[in-house]
C-alpha atoms as a PDB file:
ATOM      1  CA  UNK A   1     -16.441   3.704  -7.504  1.00  0.00           C
ATOM      2  CA  UNK A   2     -16.334   5.339  -4.011  1.00  0.00           C
ATOM      3  CA  UNK A   3     -13.468   5.525  -1.747  1.00  0.00           C
ATOM      4  CA  UNK A   4     -14.497   5.725   1.982  1.00  0.00           C
ATOM      5  CA  UNK A   5     -12.966   5.168   5.489  1.00  0.00           C
ATOM      6  CA  UNK A   6     -12.640   1.530   6.662  1.00  0.00           C
ATOM      7  CA  UNK A   7     -15.417  -0.017   8.986  1.00  0.00           C
ATOM      8  CA  UNK A   8     -14.887  -3.251  10.687  1.00  0.00           C
ATOM      9  CA  UNK A   9     -17.327  -5.114   8.486  1.00  0.00           C
ATOM     10  CA  UNK A  10     -15.179  -4.365   5.500  1.00  0.00           C
ATOM     11  CA  UNK A  11     -12.371  -6.833   6.942  1.00  0.00           C
ATOM     12  CA  UNK A  12     -14.539  -9.815   5.786  1.00  0.00           C
ATOM     13  CA  UNK A  13     -13.542  -8.785   2.260  1.00  0.00           C
ATOM     14  CA  UNK A  14     -10.090  -7.057   2.950  1.00  0.00           C
ATOM     15  CA  UNK A  15      -8.667 -10.216   4.830  1.00  0.00           C
ATOM     16  CA  UNK A  16      -8.890 -12.569   2.057  1.00  0.00           C
ATOM     17  CA  UNK A  17      -7.097 -10.224  -0.166  1.00  0.00           C
ATOM     18  CA  UNK A  18      -4.360  -9.618   2.310  1.00  0.00           C
ATOM     19  CA  UNK A  19      -4.047 -13.371   2.839  1.00  0.00           C
ATOM     20  CA  UNK A  20      -3.839 -13.982  -0.926  1.00  0.00           C
ATOM     21  CA  UNK A  21      -1.141 -11.223  -1.525  1.00  0.00           C
ATOM     22  CA  UNK A  22       0.844 -12.500   1.334  1.00  0.00           C
ATOM     23  CA  UNK A  23       0.622 -16.039   0.322  1.00  0.00           C
ATOM     24  CA  UNK A  24       1.978 -15.003  -3.374  1.00  0.00           C
ATOM     25  CA  UNK A  25       5.012 -13.775  -2.133  1.00  0.00           C
ATOM     26  CA  UNK A  26       5.444 -11.402  -5.029  1.00  0.00           C
ATOM     27  CA  UNK A  27       4.852  -7.917  -3.780  1.00  0.00           C
ATOM     28  CA  UNK A  28       4.644  -7.632   0.041  1.00  0.00           C
ATOM     29  CA  UNK A  29       6.999  -8.793   2.588  1.00  0.00           C
ATOM     30  CA  UNK A  30       4.351 -10.331   4.728  1.00  0.00           C
ATOM     31  CA  UNK A  31       4.310 -13.719   6.532  1.00  0.00           C
ATOM     32  CA  UNK A  32       2.527 -16.103   4.191  1.00  0.00           C
ATOM     33  CA  UNK A  33       1.188 -17.686   7.121  1.00  0.00           C
ATOM     34  CA  UNK A  34      -0.019 -14.444   8.688  1.00  0.00           C
ATOM     35  CA  UNK A  35      -3.325 -14.879  10.950  1.00  0.00           C
ATOM     36  CA  UNK A  36      -6.390 -12.713  10.544  1.00  0.00           C
ATOM     37  CA  UNK A  37      -5.651 -11.242  13.882  1.00  0.00           C
ATOM     38  CA  UNK A  38      -2.251 -10.180  12.766  1.00  0.00           C
ATOM     39  CA  UNK A  39      -3.547  -8.846   9.541  1.00  0.00           C
ATOM     40  CA  UNK A  40      -6.145  -6.697  11.335  1.00  0.00           C
ATOM     41  CA  UNK A  41      -3.374  -5.182  13.466  1.00  0.00           C
ATOM     42  CA  UNK A  42      -1.164  -4.595  10.327  1.00  0.00           C
ATOM     43  CA  UNK A  43      -3.924  -3.032   8.205  1.00  0.00           C
ATOM     44  CA  UNK A  44      -6.314  -1.600  10.811  1.00  0.00           C
ATOM     45  CA  UNK A  45      -5.138  -1.018  14.125  1.00  0.00           C
ATOM     46  CA  UNK A  46      -1.415   0.238  13.543  1.00  0.00           C
ATOM     47  CA  UNK A  47      -2.152   2.760  10.759  1.00  0.00           C
ATOM     48  CA  UNK A  48      -3.474   6.370  11.300  1.00  0.00           C
ATOM     49  CA  UNK A  49      -6.244   5.721   8.775  1.00  0.00           C
ATOM     50  CA  UNK A  50      -7.509   2.826   6.510  1.00  0.00           C
ATOM     51  CA  UNK A  51      -9.747   3.156   3.520  1.00  0.00           C
ATOM     52  CA  UNK A  52     -11.519   0.988   0.966  1.00  0.00           C
ATOM     53  CA  UNK A  53     -12.769   1.503  -2.735  1.00  0.00           C
ATOM     54  CA  UNK A  54     -15.901  -0.184  -3.314  1.00  0.00           C
ATOM     55  CA  UNK A  55     -18.690  -0.493  -5.826  1.00  0.00           C
ATOM     56  CA  UNK A  56     -22.074  -2.075  -5.122  1.00  0.00           C
ATOM     57  CA  UNK A  57     -20.853  -3.442  -1.876  1.00  0.00           C
ATOM     58  CA  UNK A  58     -17.838  -5.060  -3.324  1.00  0.00           C
ATOM     59  CA  UNK A  59     -14.479  -4.117  -2.002  1.00  0.00           C
ATOM     60  CA  UNK A  60     -12.207  -3.337  -4.857  1.00  0.00           C
ATOM     61  CA  UNK A  61      -9.138  -2.415  -2.964  1.00  0.00           C
ATOM     62  CA  UNK A  62      -7.856  -0.832   0.297  1.00  0.00           C
ATOM     63  CA  UNK A  63      -4.966   1.217   1.716  1.00  0.00           C
ATOM     64  CA  UNK A  64      -3.690   2.341   4.964  1.00  0.00           C
ATOM     65  CA  UNK A  65      -1.530   5.555   5.920  1.00  0.00           C
ATOM     66  CA  UNK A  66       0.854   5.845   8.762  1.00  0.00           C
ATOM     67  CA  UNK A  67       3.544   7.952   9.768  1.00  0.00           C
ATOM     68  CA  UNK A  68       6.993   6.235   8.337  1.00  0.00           C
ATOM     69  CA  UNK A  69       8.937   7.114  11.440  1.00  0.00           C
ATOM     70  CA  UNK A  70       8.662   8.698  14.775  1.00  0.00           C
ATOM     71  CA  UNK A  71       9.653  12.094  16.294  1.00  0.00           C
ATOM     72  CA  UNK A  72      11.612  14.200  13.714  1.00  0.00           C
ATOM     73  CA  UNK A  73      10.684  12.006  10.956  1.00  0.00           C
ATOM     74  CA  UNK A  74       6.886  11.809  11.491  1.00  0.00           C
ATOM     75  CA  UNK A  75       6.260  14.399   8.682  1.00  0.00           C
ATOM     76  CA  UNK A  76       6.639  11.624   6.213  1.00  0.00           C
ATOM     77  CA  UNK A  77       3.984   9.102   5.651  1.00  0.00           C
ATOM     78  CA  UNK A  78       3.856   5.522   4.349  1.00  0.00           C
ATOM     79  CA  UNK A  79       1.129   3.789   2.524  1.00  0.00           C
ATOM     80  CA  UNK A  80       0.239   0.166   1.518  1.00  0.00           C
ATOM     81  CA  UNK A  81      -2.401  -0.563  -1.254  1.00  0.00           C
ATOM     82  CA  UNK A  82      -4.004  -3.563  -2.188  1.00  0.00           C
ATOM     83  CA  UNK A  83      -6.561  -4.071  -5.099  1.00  0.00           C
ATOM     84  CA  UNK A  84      -8.504  -7.093  -5.634  1.00  0.00           C
ATOM     85  CA  UNK A  85      -7.725  -9.351  -8.547  1.00  0.00           C
ATOM     86  CA  UNK A  86     -10.954  -8.891 -10.366  1.00  0.00           C
ATOM     87  CA  UNK A  87     -10.431  -5.129 -10.036  1.00  0.00           C
ATOM     88  CA  UNK A  88      -6.816  -4.615 -11.393  1.00  0.00           C
ATOM     89  CA  UNK A  89      -6.366  -2.760 -14.335  1.00  0.00           C
ATOM     90  CA  UNK A  90      -9.430  -0.650 -13.652  1.00  0.00           C
ATOM     91  CA  UNK A  91      -7.630   2.459 -12.176  1.00  0.00           C
ATOM     92  CA  UNK A  92      -8.415   1.319  -8.656  1.00  0.00           C
ATOM     93  CA  UNK A  93      -4.658   1.666  -7.537  1.00  0.00           C
ATOM     94  CA  UNK A  94      -4.190   5.177  -9.135  1.00  0.00           C
ATOM     95  CA  UNK A  95      -7.408   6.116  -7.557  1.00  0.00           C
ATOM     96  CA  UNK A  96      -6.307   4.846  -4.170  1.00  0.00           C
ATOM     97  CA  UNK A  97      -2.971   6.668  -4.719  1.00  0.00           C
ATOM     98  CA  UNK A  98      -4.524  10.078  -5.539  1.00  0.00           C
ATOM     99  CA  UNK A  99      -6.939   9.862  -2.582  1.00  0.00           C
ATOM    100  CA  UNK A 100      -3.940   8.906  -0.276  1.00  0.00           C
ATOM    101  CA  UNK A 101      -1.895  11.751  -1.269  1.00  0.00           C
ATOM    102  CA  UNK A 102      -4.908  14.197  -0.518  1.00  0.00           C
ATOM    103  CA  UNK A 103      -5.596  12.590   2.879  1.00  0.00           C
ATOM    104  CA  UNK A 104      -1.809  12.731   3.856  1.00  0.00           C
ATOM    105  CA  UNK A 105      -1.739  16.441   3.183  1.00  0.00           C
ATOM    106  CA  UNK A 106      -4.983  17.014   5.011  1.00  0.00           C
ATOM    107  CA  UNK A 107      -3.232  15.045   7.969  1.00  0.00           C
ATOM    108  CA  UNK A 108      -0.321  17.471   7.787  1.00  0.00           C
ATOM    109  CA  UNK A 109       2.197  15.091   6.252  1.00  0.00           C
ATOM    110  CA  UNK A 110       4.904  16.725   4.207  1.00  0.00           C
ATOM    111  CA  UNK A 111       6.001  13.762   2.196  1.00  0.00           C
ATOM    112  CA  UNK A 112       5.146  10.223   1.346  1.00  0.00           C
ATOM    113  CA  UNK A 113       7.642   7.146   1.160  1.00  0.00           C
ATOM    114  CA  UNK A 114       7.401   3.759  -0.154  1.00  0.00           C
ATOM    115  CA  UNK A 115       9.927   1.712   1.812  1.00  0.00           C
ATOM    116  CA  UNK A 116      10.193  -1.417  -0.250  1.00  0.00           C
ATOM    117  CA  UNK A 117       8.540  -1.422  -3.781  1.00  0.00           C
ATOM    118  CA  UNK A 118       9.509  -4.868  -5.289  1.00  0.00           C
ATOM    119  CA  UNK A 119      11.425  -3.961  -8.378  1.00  0.00           C
ATOM    120  CA  UNK A 120       9.929  -6.742 -10.284  1.00  0.00           C
ATOM    121  CA  UNK A 121       6.440  -5.424  -9.732  1.00  0.00           C
ATOM    122  CA  UNK A 122       6.637  -2.925 -12.968  1.00  0.00           C
ATOM    123  CA  UNK A 123       3.039  -2.288 -12.947  1.00  0.00           C
ATOM    124  CA  UNK A 124       3.463  -0.675  -9.570  1.00  0.00           C
ATOM    125  CA  UNK A 125       6.607   1.217 -10.078  1.00  0.00           C
ATOM    126  CA  UNK A 126       5.189   2.730 -13.486  1.00  0.00           C
ATOM    127  CA  UNK A 127       2.128   3.580 -11.592  1.00  0.00           C
ATOM    128  CA  UNK A 128       3.744   5.335  -8.671  1.00  0.00           C
ATOM    129  CA  UNK A 129       6.050   7.216 -10.892  1.00  0.00           C
ATOM    130  CA  UNK A 130       3.209   8.338 -12.996  1.00  0.00           C
ATOM    131  CA  UNK A 131       1.700   9.740  -9.679  1.00  0.00           C
ATOM    132  CA  UNK A 132       4.849  11.722  -9.108  1.00  0.00           C
ATOM    133  CA  UNK A 133       7.074   9.304  -7.015  1.00  0.00           C
ATOM    134  CA  UNK A 134      10.680   9.215  -7.601  1.00  0.00           C
ATOM    135  CA  UNK A 135      13.182   6.111  -6.972  1.00  0.00           C
ATOM    136  CA  UNK A 136      15.383   7.294  -4.410  1.00  0.00           C
ATOM    137  CA  UNK A 137      17.352   4.136  -3.624  1.00  0.00           C
ATOM    138  CA  UNK A 138      17.618   0.450  -4.433  1.00  0.00           C
ATOM    139  CA  UNK A 139      18.080  -2.310  -1.974  1.00  0.00           C
ATOM    140  CA  UNK A 140      19.842  -4.984  -3.575  1.00  0.00           C
ATOM    141  CA  UNK A 141      18.342  -8.470  -3.506  1.00  0.00           C
ATOM    142  CA  UNK A 142      16.051  -7.360  -0.498  1.00  0.00           C
ATOM    143  CA  UNK A 143      13.163  -9.644  -1.514  1.00  0.00           C
ATOM    144  CA  UNK A 144      12.641 -13.326  -1.639  1.00  0.00           C
ATOM    145  CA  UNK A 145      10.154 -13.677  -4.694  1.00  0.00           C
ATOM    146  CA  UNK A 146       8.209 -16.644  -4.908  1.00  0.00           C
ATOM    147  CA  UNK A 147       9.307 -17.452  -8.586  1.00  0.00           C
ATOM    148  CA  UNK A 148      12.177 -15.183  -9.483  1.00  0.00           C
ATOM    149  CA  UNK A 149      14.364 -15.511  -6.314  1.00  0.00           C
ATOM    150  CA  UNK A 150      16.075 -12.519  -5.071  1.00  0.00           C
ATOM    151  CA  UNK A 151      15.050  -9.211  -6.407  1.00  0.00           C
ATOM    152  CA  UNK A 152      15.749  -5.771  -5.637  1.00  0.00           C
ATOM    153  CA  UNK A 153      13.443  -3.381  -3.709  1.00  0.00           C
ATOM    154  CA  UNK A 154      13.123   0.269  -4.453  1.00  0.00           C
ATOM    155  CA  UNK A 155      12.480   3.253  -2.031  1.00  0.00           C
ATOM    156  CA  UNK A 156      10.191   5.880  -3.754  1.00  0.00           C
ATOM    157  CA  UNK A 157       9.348   9.126  -2.466  1.00  0.00           C
ATOM    158  CA  UNK A 158       7.338  12.305  -3.283  1.00  0.00           C
ATOM    159  CA  UNK A 159       7.214  15.444  -1.501  1.00  0.00           C
ATOM    160  CA  UNK A 160       3.713  16.625  -0.857  1.00  0.00           C
ATOM    161  CA  UNK A 161       4.119  20.214   0.606  1.00  0.00           C
ATOM    162  CA  UNK A 162       3.656  23.094  -1.653  1.00  0.00           C
END
């Protein structure tokens, strides 16, 4: 598996993944009817950097990295990660997380914050904790899960500076 910078041609494989995740309404607060253009803006144009994990020309996953806030809060970054269903459970998300921490440090960020990790997504919660993120807050009933109804969201944080 190789993790590399996103190129425009990658979006043909990334878009169906974003669309599938948004429509599932289990992990991301994205409009299930989001257009391809809106997804492009969200995943590629607005972030500071976007990367993909690939093997033999197949996109296994992707992440974006951006400042979490502006001005005096721009030393904290935020990332969003997605892994293709066929690649889940193969260490792709963990590799993307490690890569994003390295890139964030290279770009001068001092911390990384995940603003809204859906608490019912225990696989992600455990993975982020394994990679040094702490739960620093809970947002009660902040997510309308497709099958579970209202569930909590977690704010997770990791200091990156030495």
